[in-house]
Amino acid sequence: MGSTIKWLLTLGVGVAAGWALRSLSDTPEGAGVKVLELGIKGKDRFSAWAAVERERVEDMLAEAQSNIARESATAGGAAGASGRTGQSSPGRDAGTARRKRTQREAAKDDVTSFNS
């Protein structure tokens, strides 16, 4: 008896979900267009997020390379390490500013694409 009730509930939920999806558009093609539209918007948002993260990683890599170059330029790295602890490098500050600017631009693009 319990499996019959579950089967009827599953059938009812399926019919309701199908009816709801069908009511979202006039034709099956319209429903397909809606699904494709959602996919394209998702891809665009993911691309914007990936671009911000790519820049962040590039900034980190550039900072690491500049730290290595600075350490190799000093005598064994001891002179550079003793007096500069706790200070941020100018490259890091520039990377942070660039990353914030990119995030603002991506957020503005998201708002613009959301409104259109």
Protein backbone atom coordinates (compact mmCIF):
# COMPACT_ATOMS: atom_id res chain seq x y z
CA MET A 1 0.00 0.00 0.00
CA GLY A 2 2.83 2.41 0.87
CA SER A 3 4.54 1.95 -2.50
CA THR A 4 1.27 2.73 -4.31
CA ILE A 5 0.99 6.04 -2.49
CA LYS A 6 4.59 6.92 -3.30
CA TRP A 7 3.97 6.06 -6.95
CA LEU A 8 0.86 8.27 -7.08
CA LEU A 9 2.68 11.14 -5.36
CA THR A 10 5.58 10.84 -7.81
CA LEU A 11 3.15 10.86 -10.74
CA GLY A 12 1.36 13.92 -9.33
CA VAL A 13 4.61 15.80 -8.80
CA GLY A 14 5.73 14.93 -12.34
CA VAL A 15 2.47 16.16 -13.86
CA ALA A 16 2.60 19.37 -11.82
CA ALA A 17 6.23 20.03 -12.78
CA GLY A 18 5.48 19.38 -16.44
CA TRP A 19 2.47 21.65 -16.34
CA ALA A 20 4.50 24.40 -14.68
CA LEU A 21 7.28 24.12 -17.27
CA ARG A 22 4.77 24.13 -20.10
CA SER A 23 3.07 27.25 -18.74
CA LEU A 24 6.37 29.15 -18.78
CA SER A 25 6.30 29.28 -22.56
CA ASP A 26 3.78 29.05 -25.37
CA THR A 27 5.59 26.34 -27.33
CA PRO A 28 8.15 23.62 -26.64
CA GLU A 29 10.61 25.69 -28.68
CA GLY A 30 10.00 28.59 -26.31
CA ALA A 31 10.90 26.38 -23.37
CA GLY A 32 14.09 25.35 -25.17
CA VAL A 33 14.94 28.97 -25.81
CA LYS A 34 14.47 29.76 -22.10
CA VAL A 35 16.79 26.90 -21.12
CA LEU A 36 19.42 28.04 -23.64
CA GLU A 37 19.10 31.63 -22.40
CA LEU A 38 19.74 30.51 -18.82
CA GLY A 39 22.74 28.49 -19.97
CA ILE A 40 24.25 31.43 -21.86
CA LYS A 41 23.78 33.77 -18.90
CA GLY A 42 25.40 31.23 -16.60
CA LYS A 43 28.36 30.84 -18.96
CA ASP A 44 28.82 34.61 -19.11
CA ARG A 45 28.79 34.93 -15.32
CA PHE A 46 31.24 32.05 -14.98
CA SER A 47 33.52 33.65 -17.58
CA ALA A 48 33.53 36.93 -15.64
CA TRP A 49 34.34 35.11 -12.39
CA ALA A 50 37.10 33.12 -14.09
CA ALA A 51 38.64 36.32 -15.49
CA VAL A 52 38.78 37.88 -12.02
CA GLU A 53 40.33 34.75 -10.55
CA ARG A 54 42.84 34.49 -13.42
CA GLU A 55 44.00 38.05 -12.72
CA ARG A 56 44.30 37.29 -9.02
CA VAL A 57 46.51 34.28 -9.74
CA GLU A 58 48.60 36.29 -12.21
CA ASP A 59 49.10 38.99 -9.56
CA MET A 60 50.19 36.37 -7.03
CA LEU A 61 52.61 34.83 -9.54
CA ALA A 62 54.10 38.25 -10.41
CA GLU A 63 54.53 39.05 -6.73
CA ALA A 64 56.26 35.73 -6.10
CA GLN A 65 58.60 36.29 -9.04
CA SER A 66 59.46 39.79 -7.86
CA ASN A 67 60.15 38.46 -4.36
CA ILE A 68 62.49 35.85 -5.79
CA ALA A 69 64.28 38.45 -7.93
CA ARG A 70 64.62 40.80 -4.96
CA GLU A 71 66.00 38.03 -2.74
CA SER A 72 68.50 36.91 -5.35
CA ALA A 73 69.67 40.52 -5.86
CA THR A 74 70.56 40.86 -2.17
CA ALA A 75 73.50 39.07 -0.59
CA GLY A 76 71.98 35.68 0.19
CA GLY A 77 68.58 37.24 0.88
CA ALA A 78 69.51 38.15 4.47
CA ALA A 79 69.64 41.92 3.95
CA GLY A 80 66.23 42.05 2.31
CA ALA A 81 64.56 39.78 4.85
CA SER A 82 65.78 41.58 7.99
CA GLY A 83 64.48 45.08 7.33
CA ARG A 84 61.36 44.49 5.24
CA THR A 85 59.21 42.13 7.25
CA GLY A 86 55.63 43.26 7.72
CA GLN A 87 55.67 45.66 4.77
CA SER A 88 53.66 45.08 1.65
CA SER A 89 55.40 45.40 -1.67
CA PRO A 90 54.34 48.07 -4.19
CA GLY A 91 53.51 45.33 -6.71
CA ARG A 92 51.00 43.80 -4.36
CA ASP A 93 49.25 47.13 -3.76
CA ALA A 94 49.01 47.72 -7.51
CA GLY A 95 47.67 44.20 -8.04
CA THR A 96 45.06 44.69 -5.33
CA ALA A 97 43.89 47.96 -6.88
CA ARG A 98 43.73 46.36 -10.34
CA ARG A 99 41.79 43.36 -8.95
CA LYS A 100 39.28 45.64 -7.20
CA ARG A 101 38.82 47.64 -10.40
CA THR A 102 38.24 44.43 -12.38
CA GLN A 103 35.72 43.19 -9.81
CA ARG A 104 33.84 46.49 -10.02
CA GLU A 105 33.77 46.26 -13.82
CA ALA A 106 32.54 42.65 -13.67
CA ALA A 107 29.82 43.62 -11.18
CA LYS A 108 28.77 46.51 -13.42
CA ASP A 109 28.61 44.16 -16.40
CA ASP A 110 26.47 41.72 -14.39
CA VAL A 111 24.05 44.51 -13.47
CA THR A 112 23.93 45.71 -17.08
CA SER A 113 23.27 42.19 -18.44
CA PHE A 114 20.66 41.58 -15.71
CA ASN A 115 18.76 44.75 -16.65
CA SER A 116 18.68 43.98 -20.38
